[in-house]
Amino acid sequence: MQFSRPPARAATPLCNIEVPMPITTIIFDFDGLILDTEGPDFRTWQEVYEEHDATLDIRDWQRLIGTTIATPDAFDPYEELERQLGGPIDRERLQERRQKRHVELVEKEVLLPGVERYLDDARALGLRLGVASTSRRDWVVGNLDRLGLTERFGCIRCHDDVGVPKPAPDVYLSALAGLDARASEVFALEDSPNGIRSAKGAGLFCVAVPNPLTQDLDLAAADLILTSLDEMPLAELLALVNGHPIARQ
């Protein structure tokens, strides 16, 4: 069963909502959920393709969001570029240059709407927080450090901690263990179909919060879809999730 999307509404003060508390923990995705790193990533690949007079189809790129090239059926931008060019490219040199450009763009990004308020409200409500990401630990922690957010999270699990990317549930299962939490008392915040599949595979209630690159994708596997974390205050979302039978199983 999936909730219909609730209408947007103004933020409600925490003190005006009585929140039942079976949910004790929230696990955040990182890329595209806390910080828009995915838009800059796509942009850098577009630039690479344009330099080679090639074309990068956004529909192909979207298959890669939330997972890695090594995942079966995932899109490989190197392979596609070589196919269009009819020959091999220097992948290592290209990646080094592209990654430098990606970092340059991401360092200009700020937290996505509603993230900071959710972190503040979670602390006020005494909730535990974690991160479950398919990206490398140095990327996730490096950006969280830069934003002054690392200490907000009791557990950060990344691809290199588990070796298996989303949509496999491993990174969420590892985060649950690190937080000493049961799936029934946790919900996940995700932005992509691959991330949703990962969270659901770990037995979590999943709230989808798409970004511009994922908003047109099929997010129907999520239990609830918000257009932004600004759409619903955390206390209200908790009351909604706590009252849903999936979250109580």
Protein backbone atom coordinates (compact mmCIF):
# COMPACT_ATOMS: atom_id res chain seq x y z
CA MET A 1 0.00 0.00 0.00
CA GLN A 2 1.24 3.48 -0.82
CA PHE A 3 0.12 6.82 0.53
CA SER A 4 -1.20 9.35 -1.91
CA ARG A 5 0.92 12.46 -1.96
CA PRO A 6 -0.30 14.92 0.69
CA PRO A 7 -0.86 18.54 -0.29
CA ALA A 8 1.87 21.06 0.47
CA ARG A 9 1.32 22.98 3.67
CA ALA A 10 3.03 25.50 5.90
CA ALA A 11 5.41 24.25 8.57
CA THR A 12 3.75 23.48 11.92
CA PRO A 13 5.61 24.20 15.17
CA LEU A 14 6.86 21.06 16.89
CA CYS A 15 5.08 21.91 20.12
CA ASN A 16 1.66 21.81 18.41
CA ILE A 17 1.92 18.15 17.36
CA GLU A 18 1.75 15.21 19.71
CA VAL A 19 4.06 12.61 18.15
CA PRO A 20 3.83 8.90 18.95
CA MET A 21 7.33 7.44 19.06
CA PRO A 22 7.73 3.91 17.66
CA ILE A 23 10.04 5.48 15.05
CA THR A 24 13.36 6.18 16.75
CA THR A 25 15.74 6.50 13.79
CA ILE A 26 16.01 8.03 10.33
CA ILE A 27 18.52 6.91 7.72
CA PHE A 28 19.34 9.40 4.98
CA ASP A 29 20.67 8.74 1.53
CA PHE A 30 23.40 11.26 0.72
CA ASP A 31 23.76 12.09 -2.99
CA GLY A 32 20.70 13.91 -4.27
CA LEU A 33 18.96 13.80 -0.88
CA ILE A 34 21.17 15.80 1.47
CA LEU A 35 23.23 17.55 -1.20
CA ASP A 36 22.67 17.84 -4.94
CA THR A 37 25.76 16.08 -6.17
CA GLU A 38 23.85 14.28 -8.93
CA GLY A 39 23.05 17.35 -11.01
CA PRO A 40 26.74 18.36 -11.13
CA ASP A 41 27.73 14.76 -11.88
CA PHE A 42 25.44 14.63 -14.91
CA ARG A 43 26.63 18.07 -16.02
CA THR A 44 30.29 17.02 -15.99
CA TRP A 45 29.51 13.97 -18.10
CA GLN A 46 27.52 16.12 -20.50
CA GLU A 47 30.58 18.33 -20.88
CA VAL A 48 32.77 15.30 -21.59
CA TYR A 49 30.41 14.01 -24.25
CA GLU A 50 30.12 17.44 -25.85
CA GLU A 51 33.92 17.70 -26.03
CA HIS A 52 33.91 14.48 -28.07
CA ASP A 53 30.94 15.53 -30.25
CA ALA A 54 28.90 12.75 -28.65
CA THR A 55 25.46 12.76 -27.01
CA LEU A 56 24.56 11.68 -23.49
CA ASP A 57 20.90 10.66 -23.15
CA ILE A 58 19.51 11.62 -19.75
CA ARG A 59 17.33 8.48 -19.79
CA ASP A 60 20.47 6.36 -19.95
CA TRP A 61 22.09 8.37 -17.18
CA GLN A 62 19.11 8.00 -14.87
CA ARG A 63 19.65 4.23 -14.78
CA LEU A 64 22.95 4.86 -12.99
CA ILE A 65 21.58 7.13 -10.27
CA GLY A 66 21.80 5.54 -6.85
CA THR A 67 24.05 2.66 -7.91
CA THR A 68 27.42 2.09 -9.61
CA ILE A 69 28.72 1.16 -13.04
CA ALA A 70 29.59 -2.31 -11.75
CA THR A 71 25.93 -3.14 -11.07
CA PRO A 72 24.32 -5.43 -13.68
CA ASP A 73 22.15 -3.47 -16.14
CA ALA A 74 23.54 -0.13 -14.90
CA PHE A 75 24.54 2.43 -17.51
CA ASP A 76 28.28 2.73 -18.19
CA PRO A 77 29.09 6.23 -19.52
CA TYR A 78 32.63 5.20 -20.51
CA GLU A 79 31.38 2.26 -22.55
CA GLU A 80 28.71 4.36 -24.25
CA LEU A 81 31.20 7.08 -25.14
CA GLU A 82 33.56 4.51 -26.63
CA ARG A 83 30.67 3.03 -28.60
CA GLN A 84 29.81 6.41 -30.10
CA LEU A 85 33.45 7.19 -30.86
CA GLY A 86 34.13 3.76 -32.29
CA GLY A 87 37.25 3.17 -30.18
CA PRO A 88 38.81 3.24 -26.69
CA ILE A 89 39.36 6.33 -24.55
CA ASP A 90 41.84 7.03 -21.77
CA ARG A 91 39.41 6.30 -18.95
CA GLU A 92 41.81 7.08 -16.12
CA ARG A 93 42.76 10.48 -17.49
CA LEU A 94 39.14 11.33 -18.30
CA GLN A 95 37.95 10.34 -14.83
CA GLU A 96 40.66 12.36 -13.08
CA ARG A 97 39.76 15.49 -15.02
CA ARG A 98 36.02 14.96 -14.72
CA GLN A 99 36.18 14.27 -10.99
CA LYS A 100 38.09 17.51 -10.42
CA ARG A 101 35.35 19.38 -12.26
CA HIS A 102 32.66 17.54 -10.29
CA VAL A 103 34.22 18.53 -6.96
CA GLU A 104 34.46 22.12 -8.15
CA LEU A 105 30.73 22.21 -8.91
CA VAL A 106 29.61 20.36 -5.78
CA GLU A 107 31.55 22.72 -3.51
CA LYS A 108 29.19 25.47 -4.68
CA GLU A 109 26.11 23.50 -3.66
CA VAL A 110 24.16 24.08 -0.44
CA LEU A 111 21.93 21.68 1.47
CA LEU A 112 18.78 20.69 -0.35
CA PRO A 113 15.54 22.30 0.89
CA GLY A 114 14.35 21.15 4.28
CA VAL A 115 17.44 19.09 5.18
CA GLU A 116 18.80 21.39 7.85
CA ARG A 117 15.39 21.77 9.47
CA TYR A 118 14.92 17.99 9.52
CA LEU A 119 18.29 17.55 11.19
CA ASP A 120 17.47 20.19 13.79
CA ASP A 121 14.00 18.77 14.47
CA ALA A 122 15.37 15.23 14.70
CA ARG A 123 17.77 16.35 17.39
CA ALA A 124 14.96 18.16 19.24
CA LEU A 125 12.85 14.99 19.11
CA GLY A 126 15.72 12.77 20.26
CA LEU A 127 15.90 10.70 17.08
CA ARG A 128 19.00 8.85 15.97
CA LEU A 129 20.31 9.59 12.49
CA GLY A 130 22.32 7.60 9.99
CA VAL A 131 23.52 7.77 6.40
CA ALA A 132 23.45 4.91 3.88
CA SER A 133 25.18 5.76 0.60
CA THR A 134 26.43 4.00 -2.50
CA SER A 135 29.23 6.56 -2.78
CA ARG A 136 32.72 6.21 -1.31
CA ARG A 137 33.22 7.06 2.36
CA ASP A 138 35.80 9.76 1.61
CA TRP A 139 33.28 11.49 -0.68
CA VAL A 140 30.37 11.35 1.75
CA VAL A 141 32.30 12.19 4.92
CA GLY A 142 34.39 14.81 3.13
CA ASN A 143 31.27 16.69 2.07
CA LEU A 144 29.56 16.25 5.42
CA ASP A 145 32.69 17.61 7.12
CA ARG A 146 32.70 20.60 4.79
CA LEU A 147 29.06 21.28 5.66
CA GLY A 148 29.65 20.77 9.39
CA LEU A 149 27.19 17.87 9.54
CA THR A 150 29.24 14.75 10.23
CA GLU A 151 28.63 14.78 13.97
CA ARG A 152 24.88 14.85 13.41
CA PHE A 153 24.94 11.20 12.32
CA GLY A 154 25.48 8.30 14.68
CA CYS A 155 26.41 5.96 11.83
CA ILE A 156 27.61 6.52 8.26
CA ARG A 157 27.76 3.52 5.95
CA CYS A 158 29.04 3.70 2.39
CA HIS A 159 29.81 1.48 -0.58
CA ASP A 160 33.34 0.73 0.58
CA ASP A 161 32.01 -0.39 3.98
CA VAL A 162 29.93 -3.18 2.46
CA GLY A 163 31.32 -3.72 -1.05
CA VAL A 164 27.86 -4.12 -2.59
CA PRO A 165 26.07 -1.06 -4.01
CA LYS A 166 22.39 -0.23 -4.00
CA PRO A 167 19.88 -1.55 -5.04
CA ALA A 168 21.17 -4.40 -2.84
CA PRO A 169 20.08 -3.83 0.78
CA ASP A 170 23.55 -4.36 2.28
CA VAL A 171 24.38 -0.73 3.06
CA TYR A 172 21.07 -0.25 4.88
CA LEU A 173 21.49 -3.49 6.79
CA SER A 174 24.95 -2.34 7.82
CA ALA A 175 23.57 1.05 8.93
CA LEU A 176 20.87 -0.68 10.98
CA ALA A 177 23.53 -2.75 12.73
CA GLY A 178 25.70 0.30 13.34
CA LEU A 179 22.78 2.17 14.86
CA ASP A 180 21.65 -0.90 16.85
CA ALA A 181 18.17 -0.35 15.41
CA ARG A 182 15.41 -2.65 14.21
CA ALA A 183 13.95 -2.07 10.77
CA SER A 184 10.50 -1.57 12.30
CA GLU A 185 11.65 1.56 14.16
CA VAL A 186 13.44 3.19 11.22
CA PHE A 187 12.43 4.98 8.06
CA ALA A 188 14.65 5.86 5.11
CA LEU A 189 14.79 9.00 3.00
CA GLU A 190 15.69 8.25 -0.63
CA ASP A 191 15.65 10.01 -3.99
CA SER A 192 15.94 7.24 -6.62
CA PRO A 193 14.42 3.88 -7.59
CA ASN A 194 17.72 2.11 -6.83
CA GLY A 195 17.82 3.65 -3.37
CA ILE A 196 14.18 2.82 -2.70
CA ARG A 197 14.76 -0.82 -3.67
CA SER A 198 17.72 -0.95 -1.29
CA ALA A 199 15.79 0.48 1.65
CA LYS A 200 12.76 -1.72 1.04
CA GLY A 201 15.02 -4.76 0.68
CA ALA A 202 16.27 -4.05 4.20
CA GLY A 203 12.70 -3.97 5.46
CA LEU A 204 12.45 -0.21 5.94
CA PHE A 205 9.56 2.16 5.43
CA CYS A 206 10.82 4.45 2.68
CA VAL A 207 9.97 8.08 1.95
CA ALA A 208 10.99 9.23 -1.54
CA VAL A 209 12.15 12.83 -1.95
CA PRO A 210 13.14 13.16 -5.62
CA ASN A 211 15.45 15.80 -7.05
CA PRO A 212 15.30 17.32 -10.57
CA LEU A 213 17.10 14.32 -12.08
CA THR A 214 14.86 11.71 -10.44
CA GLN A 215 11.47 13.42 -10.21
CA ASP A 216 10.24 11.84 -13.46
CA LEU A 217 11.39 8.31 -12.57
CA ASP A 218 9.14 5.54 -11.26
CA LEU A 219 9.19 5.95 -7.49
CA ALA A 220 6.06 3.89 -6.89
CA ALA A 221 7.93 1.37 -4.72
CA ALA A 222 8.29 4.04 -2.02
CA ASP A 223 5.70 4.10 0.77
CA LEU A 224 5.35 7.86 0.57
CA ILE A 225 6.50 10.52 -1.89
CA LEU A 226 7.23 14.13 -0.97
CA THR A 227 8.24 16.78 -3.48
CA SER A 228 10.71 18.18 -0.94
CA LEU A 229 11.48 17.88 2.76
CA ASP A 230 10.01 21.38 2.95
CA GLU A 231 6.63 19.89 2.04
CA MET A 232 5.98 18.37 5.44
CA PRO A 233 7.52 19.08 8.88
CA LEU A 234 9.34 16.13 10.42
CA ALA A 235 6.97 15.86 13.40
CA GLU A 236 4.00 15.60 11.06
CA LEU A 237 5.78 13.04 8.89
CA LEU A 238 6.60 10.98 11.99
CA ALA A 239 2.96 10.99 13.04
CA LEU A 240 1.97 9.83 9.57
CA VAL A 241 4.62 7.10 9.36
CA ASN A 242 3.96 5.89 12.91
CA GLY A 243 0.29 5.44 12.10
CA HIS A 244 0.91 3.43 8.93
CA PRO A 245 0.61 -0.37 9.21
CA ILE A 246 3.77 -0.98 7.14
CA ALA A 247 5.85 0.99 9.64
CA ARG A 248 4.42 -1.05 12.54
CA GLN A 249 5.16 -4.53 11.15
